[in-house]
Amino acid sequence: MAESAKTGKVSVFTKIGKFFKDFISEFKKLVWPTKEQLMKNTAVVMVSIVVIGLVLAGIDFGLSKGFGALKELVKFVWPYN
């Protein structure tokens, strides 16, 4: 025991105890949102998901039609494929 204090090594159990002590002290500092804040934040997330989904669907549709038109153009210009 005296040797570990001299070398500066800390036991595993001391580290685990310190971890849980720090965890509890940080957990007590948490501030939970009110119901109104939670509802507003949820609405923002849901609207964002829908908007991003629509943008990605539009990009997908546009690229699909664009590559389809390019394929038809290549067939028209080079019919030997």
N, C-alpha and C. Protein backbone atom coordinates (compact mmCIF):
# COMPACT_ATOMS: atom_id res chain seq x y z
N MET A 1 0.83 -1.19 0.00
CA MET A 1 0.00 0.00 0.00
C MET A 1 0.87 1.25 0.00
N ALA A 2 1.90 1.24 0.81
CA ALA A 2 2.76 2.40 0.90
C ALA A 2 3.55 2.58 -0.40
N GLU A 3 3.88 1.47 -1.07
CA GLU A 3 4.62 1.57 -2.32
C GLU A 3 3.77 2.19 -3.42
N SER A 4 2.47 1.85 -3.47
CA SER A 4 1.62 2.41 -4.53
C SER A 4 1.43 3.90 -4.33
N ALA A 5 1.45 4.37 -3.08
CA ALA A 5 1.34 5.80 -2.82
C ALA A 5 2.62 6.53 -3.25
N LYS A 6 3.73 5.88 -3.10
CA LYS A 6 5.00 6.48 -3.49
C LYS A 6 5.14 6.58 -5.01
N THR A 7 4.70 5.55 -5.72
CA THR A 7 4.86 5.53 -7.17
C THR A 7 3.78 6.34 -7.88
N GLY A 8 2.73 6.71 -7.19
CA GLY A 8 1.69 7.52 -7.79
C GLY A 8 0.62 6.70 -8.49
N LYS A 9 0.64 5.39 -8.35
CA LYS A 9 -0.37 4.55 -8.98
C LYS A 9 -1.66 4.59 -8.16
N VAL A 10 -2.77 4.65 -8.88
CA VAL A 10 -4.07 4.66 -8.23
C VAL A 10 -4.75 3.34 -8.55
N SER A 11 -5.38 2.73 -7.56
CA SER A 11 -6.00 1.44 -7.78
C SER A 11 -7.23 1.58 -8.68
N VAL A 12 -7.61 0.48 -9.26
CA VAL A 12 -8.76 0.44 -10.16
C VAL A 12 -10.04 0.80 -9.40
N PHE A 13 -10.15 0.32 -8.19
CA PHE A 13 -11.37 0.58 -7.40
C PHE A 13 -11.49 2.05 -7.04
N THR A 14 -10.37 2.71 -6.82
CA THR A 14 -10.39 4.15 -6.55
C THR A 14 -10.86 4.91 -7.78
N LYS A 15 -10.39 4.48 -8.95
CA LYS A 15 -10.81 5.12 -10.20
C LYS A 15 -12.31 4.92 -10.43
N ILE A 16 -12.80 3.71 -10.17
CA ILE A 16 -14.22 3.43 -10.35
C ILE A 16 -15.06 4.26 -9.39
N GLY A 17 -14.62 4.35 -8.14
CA GLY A 17 -15.34 5.16 -7.16
C GLY A 17 -15.37 6.62 -7.55
N LYS A 18 -14.25 7.13 -8.04
CA LYS A 18 -14.19 8.53 -8.48
C LYS A 18 -15.11 8.76 -9.67
N PHE A 19 -15.16 7.79 -10.58
CA PHE A 19 -16.03 7.92 -11.75
C PHE A 19 -17.48 8.06 -11.31
N PHE A 20 -17.95 7.18 -10.44
CA PHE A 20 -19.34 7.24 -10.01
C PHE A 20 -19.64 8.49 -9.19
N LYS A 21 -18.69 8.93 -8.39
CA LYS A 21 -18.88 10.16 -7.62
C LYS A 21 -19.02 11.35 -8.56
N ASP A 22 -18.16 11.44 -9.59
CA ASP A 22 -18.25 12.51 -10.58
C ASP A 22 -19.54 12.41 -11.38
N PHE A 23 -19.93 11.18 -11.71
CA PHE A 23 -21.16 10.96 -12.48
C PHE A 23 -22.37 11.48 -11.72
N ILE A 24 -22.46 11.16 -10.45
CA ILE A 24 -23.60 11.60 -9.64
C ILE A 24 -23.61 13.11 -9.49
N SER A 25 -22.44 13.71 -9.29
CA SER A 25 -22.41 15.17 -9.13
C SER A 25 -22.81 15.87 -10.43
N GLU A 26 -22.42 15.33 -11.58
CA GLU A 26 -22.82 15.93 -12.86
C GLU A 26 -24.30 15.68 -13.14
N PHE A 27 -24.81 14.53 -12.75
CA PHE A 27 -26.22 14.20 -12.98
C PHE A 27 -27.12 15.14 -12.18
N LYS A 28 -26.68 15.57 -11.03
CA LYS A 28 -27.48 16.50 -10.22
C LYS A 28 -27.56 17.89 -10.86
N LYS A 29 -26.63 18.21 -11.76
CA LYS A 29 -26.60 19.52 -12.41
C LYS A 29 -27.53 19.59 -13.63
N LEU A 30 -28.10 18.46 -14.04
CA LEU A 30 -28.95 18.44 -15.22
C LEU A 30 -30.19 19.30 -15.03
N VAL A 31 -30.56 19.98 -16.11
CA VAL A 31 -31.79 20.77 -16.11
C VAL A 31 -32.67 20.18 -17.21
N TRP A 32 -33.80 19.62 -16.82
CA TRP A 32 -34.68 18.99 -17.78
C TRP A 32 -35.60 20.03 -18.40
N PRO A 33 -35.94 19.86 -19.69
CA PRO A 33 -36.81 20.84 -20.34
C PRO A 33 -38.24 20.73 -19.82
N THR A 34 -38.95 21.85 -19.94
CA THR A 34 -40.36 21.84 -19.56
C THR A 34 -41.14 21.14 -20.66
N LYS A 35 -42.41 20.87 -20.39
CA LYS A 35 -43.25 20.18 -21.36
C LYS A 35 -43.39 21.03 -22.63
N GLU A 36 -43.51 22.35 -22.46
CA GLU A 36 -43.66 23.24 -23.61
C GLU A 36 -42.39 23.24 -24.47
N GLN A 37 -41.24 23.30 -23.82
CA GLN A 37 -39.97 23.27 -24.56
C GLN A 37 -39.81 21.95 -25.30
N LEU A 38 -40.19 20.87 -24.64
CA LEU A 38 -40.08 19.55 -25.24
C LEU A 38 -40.96 19.45 -26.48
N MET A 39 -42.19 19.97 -26.40
CA MET A 39 -43.12 19.92 -27.53
C MET A 39 -42.60 20.78 -28.69
N LYS A 40 -42.08 21.97 -28.38
CA LYS A 40 -41.54 22.84 -29.44
C LYS A 40 -40.33 22.19 -30.11
N ASN A 41 -39.43 21.64 -29.33
CA ASN A 41 -38.24 21.00 -29.88
C ASN A 41 -38.62 19.78 -30.73
N THR A 42 -39.60 19.03 -30.27
CA THR A 42 -40.06 17.86 -31.03
C THR A 42 -40.66 18.30 -32.36
N ALA A 43 -41.45 19.38 -32.34
CA ALA A 43 -42.04 19.89 -33.57
C ALA A 43 -40.96 20.35 -34.54
N VAL A 44 -39.94 21.01 -34.05
CA VAL A 44 -38.85 21.48 -34.91
C VAL A 44 -38.15 20.28 -35.55
N VAL A 45 -37.91 19.25 -34.79
CA VAL A 45 -37.23 18.07 -35.32
C VAL A 45 -38.10 17.39 -36.37
N MET A 46 -39.39 17.24 -36.11
CA MET A 46 -40.29 16.58 -37.05
C MET A 46 -40.39 17.37 -38.36
N VAL A 47 -40.52 18.68 -38.27
CA VAL A 47 -40.60 19.51 -39.47
C VAL A 47 -39.29 19.42 -40.24
N SER A 48 -38.17 19.43 -39.55
CA SER A 48 -36.87 19.32 -40.21
C SER A 48 -36.74 18.00 -40.95
N ILE A 49 -37.20 16.93 -40.34
CA ILE A 49 -37.14 15.62 -40.98
C ILE A 49 -37.97 15.60 -42.25
N VAL A 50 -39.17 16.17 -42.20
CA VAL A 50 -40.04 16.20 -43.38
C VAL A 50 -39.41 17.04 -44.49
N VAL A 51 -38.90 18.21 -44.14
CA VAL A 51 -38.31 19.09 -45.15
C VAL A 51 -37.09 18.44 -45.80
N ILE A 52 -36.22 17.88 -45.00
CA ILE A 52 -35.02 17.22 -45.54
C ILE A 52 -35.42 16.01 -46.39
N GLY A 53 -36.44 15.28 -45.96
CA GLY A 53 -36.92 14.14 -46.75
C GLY A 53 -37.45 14.59 -48.10
N LEU A 54 -38.21 15.69 -48.11
CA LEU A 54 -38.73 16.20 -49.38
C LEU A 54 -37.61 16.69 -50.30
N VAL A 55 -36.62 17.34 -49.73
CA VAL A 55 -35.48 17.81 -50.54
C VAL A 55 -34.74 16.62 -51.14
N LEU A 56 -34.48 15.60 -50.34
CA LEU A 56 -33.77 14.43 -50.85
C LEU A 56 -34.61 13.69 -51.90
N ALA A 57 -35.93 13.62 -51.69
CA ALA A 57 -36.80 12.98 -52.68
C ALA A 57 -36.77 13.76 -53.99
N GLY A 58 -36.78 15.10 -53.90
CA GLY A 58 -36.71 15.92 -55.10
C GLY A 58 -35.40 15.74 -55.85
N ILE A 59 -34.31 15.69 -55.10
CA ILE A 59 -33.00 15.47 -55.73
C ILE A 59 -32.96 14.09 -56.40
N ASP A 60 -33.47 13.08 -55.71
CA ASP A 60 -33.51 11.72 -56.25
C ASP A 60 -34.34 11.68 -57.53
N PHE A 61 -35.51 12.30 -57.50
CA PHE A 61 -36.39 12.32 -58.67
C PHE A 61 -35.71 13.05 -59.83
N GLY A 62 -35.11 14.19 -59.54
CA GLY A 62 -34.44 14.97 -60.59
C GLY A 62 -33.28 14.22 -61.21
N LEU A 63 -32.47 13.60 -60.39
CA LEU A 63 -31.33 12.83 -60.92
C LEU A 63 -31.82 11.63 -61.72
N SER A 64 -32.86 10.98 -61.26
CA SER A 64 -33.41 9.83 -61.97
C SER A 64 -33.90 10.23 -63.36
N LYS A 65 -34.67 11.32 -63.41
CA LYS A 65 -35.17 11.79 -64.71
C LYS A 65 -34.03 12.30 -65.58
N GLY A 66 -33.06 12.96 -64.98
CA GLY A 66 -31.92 13.48 -65.73
C GLY A 66 -31.10 12.37 -66.35
N PHE A 67 -30.79 11.33 -65.58
CA PHE A 67 -30.01 10.23 -66.12
C PHE A 67 -30.82 9.42 -67.13
N GLY A 68 -32.13 9.32 -66.93
CA GLY A 68 -32.98 8.65 -67.92
C GLY A 68 -32.97 9.40 -69.24
N ALA A 69 -33.07 10.73 -69.17
CA ALA A 69 -33.02 11.54 -70.40
C ALA A 69 -31.66 11.43 -71.06
N LEU A 70 -30.60 11.41 -70.28
CA LEU A 70 -29.25 11.26 -70.83
C LEU A 70 -29.09 9.91 -71.52
N LYS A 71 -29.66 8.87 -70.93
CA LYS A 71 -29.60 7.54 -71.53
C LYS A 71 -30.33 7.53 -72.87
N GLU A 72 -31.49 8.14 -72.93
CA GLU A 72 -32.24 8.21 -74.19
C GLU A 72 -31.49 9.04 -75.23
N LEU A 73 -30.84 10.11 -74.80
CA LEU A 73 -30.07 10.94 -75.72
C LEU A 73 -28.91 10.15 -76.30
N VAL A 74 -28.24 9.37 -75.47
CA VAL A 74 -27.12 8.56 -75.95
C VAL A 74 -27.64 7.52 -76.93
N LYS A 75 -28.79 6.91 -76.68
CA LYS A 75 -29.37 5.94 -77.61
C LYS A 75 -29.71 6.62 -78.94
N PHE A 76 -30.19 7.86 -78.89
CA PHE A 76 -30.54 8.59 -80.11
C PHE A 76 -29.29 8.93 -80.91
N VAL A 77 -28.25 9.38 -80.23
CA VAL A 77 -27.03 9.81 -80.92
C VAL A 77 -26.22 8.60 -81.36
N TRP A 78 -26.16 7.58 -80.55
CA TRP A 78 -25.37 6.41 -80.86
C TRP A 78 -26.28 5.18 -80.76
N PRO A 79 -27.01 4.85 -81.84
CA PRO A 79 -28.01 3.79 -81.78
C PRO A 79 -27.42 2.38 -81.83
N TYR A 80 -26.11 2.23 -81.92
CA TYR A 80 -25.51 0.91 -82.07
C TYR A 80 -25.24 0.22 -80.73
N ASN A 81 -25.72 0.76 -79.65
CA ASN A 81 -25.51 0.14 -78.33
C ASN A 81 -26.43 -0.99 -78.10
